[in-house]
Every structure is written in structure tokens, then in C-alpha cells.
């Protein structure tokens, strides 16, 4: 029934849902519903509850340092900042790649790219992979995914475990959208379509227990409405304005949860697959390298109650830790063969309560990987591996291992001073870690990644995202 509802064009032209989105998202300031303040000791008790929902907000292409809660001076994200101030913020989070499909495959399966094998544009997750939606579904929780990025389409295996997994049809959005997409053929529709679908889902199934995944795309596309904060006319300014627009759309979802009386039994996750570059290292966009600006992402948990003060986890962690943490927080079974770890003990430690598990080893070496020829199927693979260990970040191009780079985050957070030759001992240690990462790669499901052929229509949809695919 829900698939028919969300696939129906009528959903986007009539009904209270659209009017609600328009009325709330057109406001510069959204008053979020209040939640009861509880002590940090309540965090570990969430495992014992059987009424909790999850709204998993994935804001595509959102770099952490463009949010106020991460220190940005522009008011791009008042809604997200408000959720974060009374929730849990992870200060240093790295994604496993700088393009969506590879990064999301790692995030959902809690496995590193070398293990899951999702590295090139034809690769797809095999049915043997266990996805978090399957775990939620097996627990009797309704699962729904609403997405606008073709890299997480069903043909790539991302629909596994979802009762409903849909791409909302573009509607006649009522907000006046500014299109600043740095590409010739912009993706059709806006995130207003997604939020309209999400509010319809909540109105229909909100009194059941649910896991709702929302994959926003307007930050990726640099889209914003006429009410967005005005920062300027450059691509970087448009990007910030798009964050401000999507931030208010997130506020629509939060307000709807409050209106339905279910905010106090819902965990909201704010995450991203990768960041975006604005010529910090000579290029714009993403999916080209693994510098900080394209792999440093936010991770925020808004709990069913408010924390006062909120919790900040200072340890450096990884996107592959996201789902193990969420499943542990809700007392659900863990993902099998995961490289990621639950960060709940680090949350409890930062909150000043006795951790429910060991914290040693949770801040550990983090790996990111990118095949720089992922979109050229006839070209030889050109893998780049980044190793983050303590304050050091090491880059190793596999085909040209002597052309690597070493940076120290403590003294050079923008990664501008290559220390490869001046610190040869550190370079050798991290090179050995990169080698061990690749040599120890083991597929967690006993089968290799699938390859799927894409028809002309799907290729054009993916090119509309701004990628060059040959």
C-alpha cells in the first residue's frame, strides 16, 4: 500500500503533507519540539526498551566542518546544531571512501572497502551480505528507505531488508528552488519530494515501530530555496545555502515526530557518506582523492530524550562504526563479520558514566579507499588507500607506492605539508599498515561483489549527479 501511495503523483500535489512541508520549511527558524531531559545513565537503558524507532538521515556530500556544531562560523545548520547540543556528537569521523556507493556499502555493512569489494561503478552488494534493514526487519520493525541518489538504487543491492525502498517521483515543489548544480544535467526533483514522502510514511505508520532511512541529495546538487540564508554567489556559498535549506527540511521531520507524539521514542541519526572539496588541494567536488575535506563527515545521535549538557566523543572514529553503535544502542543483534565496532562505551565514557563495555581499542587505525578509475570500466584499476592512525594520515597510491604523502593532523589539519621524506620512520610504519590492510583483505560473505550492467537510462541518471562515467 505504501509503495502505491509514494509512487502516486497525487501524493505530491495534494494533501496535508505538502502543505505541512511548505509551511514549516519556509520558516527561517523552526521551533523544535521539547524533549524531557534525562541523565546520561539512561543511555544504557535504551537497550531494554522495545518501543524505539530510528530515523536515519543521510545528507549526501555533507562535510563536518560546514556545520555550526563542528565550529563553522556561518549559521548553516541551526536545526542540526540544536539536536546535537542535546545529543551525542562525534568530533572526528572518517568515511571509507569519497564517492557514495563505495562509502555507503561500507557504512551499511560495517566493513572496509578492501573487504566488501565495492570499488567500481558496476559493483553491487551480493544477496549474501547482511544489511542493517534485515536485522531491524527480523526484530519485527517496519523498514522503509526513501532515497534520491542512484548509487544506492536497488540494482546495487541496497534495498535488502527494506519492506519499502523507493525513489520519490519529482513533484511540483512549492518552494522556489535555486539550481546551482555544477553539472549540465541536474538531478530531477528536490529533497522536498523526499520529505513529503517521509511525512506521508510517518502519518501512515508512525504509531508502529519503524526504521526509516532518508537519503537527502540537495546539498550534493547545491540546491536551495529563496528563504535560505544568503551567503554569496560562489559554489562554496551555494553549498552552504543548500545545507541551510536541507537543515530546515530536517526540522520538518523532527517537528512531525513531535506532532505525532513519537519523538520521545525515536533515535535520530545525522550522518553523511563523504564531504566536498573547494580547491583545498586543487580540485572541486569529490570522488577524486581522500583528503580531509572529502572524508571528514558528521555523526550525530539525537536520543529519545535530551542530554544536558550534550555529549561529545573526542576519539577519532569511522563510518563503519555507525551501524554497530546504533544496533548496540537499541539492543539488536550485531552485523556479522563487521570491521566496525560499537562506540556506545565511548559515549558512556564521554558522558561520565561507567562504560558498559571496554573502551580500549575503539580509537584505532582507520582506512579509506578509492579506485581513482572507478567510473572507467575499461581502464586498469588505480587504487588509493588512506591510513589514519593517531594524528597521522598517510596516502598510498597502490600503483605508485613511492608517490605517497604523510600529514600530521595536530600541526597541519588542512593537510598541506607533506612529511613523507622528513619523517621516514612514521612513513614506513603507516606504509606497513596500508600493505597489511590490502594483503589481509577477506570478503566477509564468502562471495565476491557482483557486477551489474547498467542500461542507458540508469547511466544518464548517474551522470545527472555530476559524475563522469565512460
Foldseek 3Di string as FASTA:
>chain_A
DLQCCQADQVLQPDDPLQVLLVVQLLDLDHDFDAFAADAPVCLLVLQVDDFFAEEEEAEAAAFPQLDVCLPNPDPLFPLVNVLQQFAEWENWAFFQFLDFLQRVVCLFQQAHCLAQVPAFQQFAGDPLGDGVLQLCVVSVAAEEEEAQALSCDVVRPNCPNHPYYYHGDAHDRPFAKDFPFPADFAFGHACSSVLSSVLVCCVVCVNTHHYYYYYHCCLLRLMAGPSFDQDDDDSVRSSSSSSNSVSSSVSSVSRSCVVVVNLLRYKYWYKYSWHWDDCLPHDTGTLADRFSRTTTMIIIIRHSGTYVRYFYQHAHAYSSQVVQQVCSSNSTDGNPPHPYHHCQQSRCVRSPHHGPDDPPPNRAKDKHKHQNVSQEVVDDTWMWMWIDGQQKIKIATPVCRVPIFMDGCVVCVSRDDGCCPVCVVVVVVVVVVVVCCNVVHHHRSPDHTDGDDDDPVSVVSNVSSVDDHD
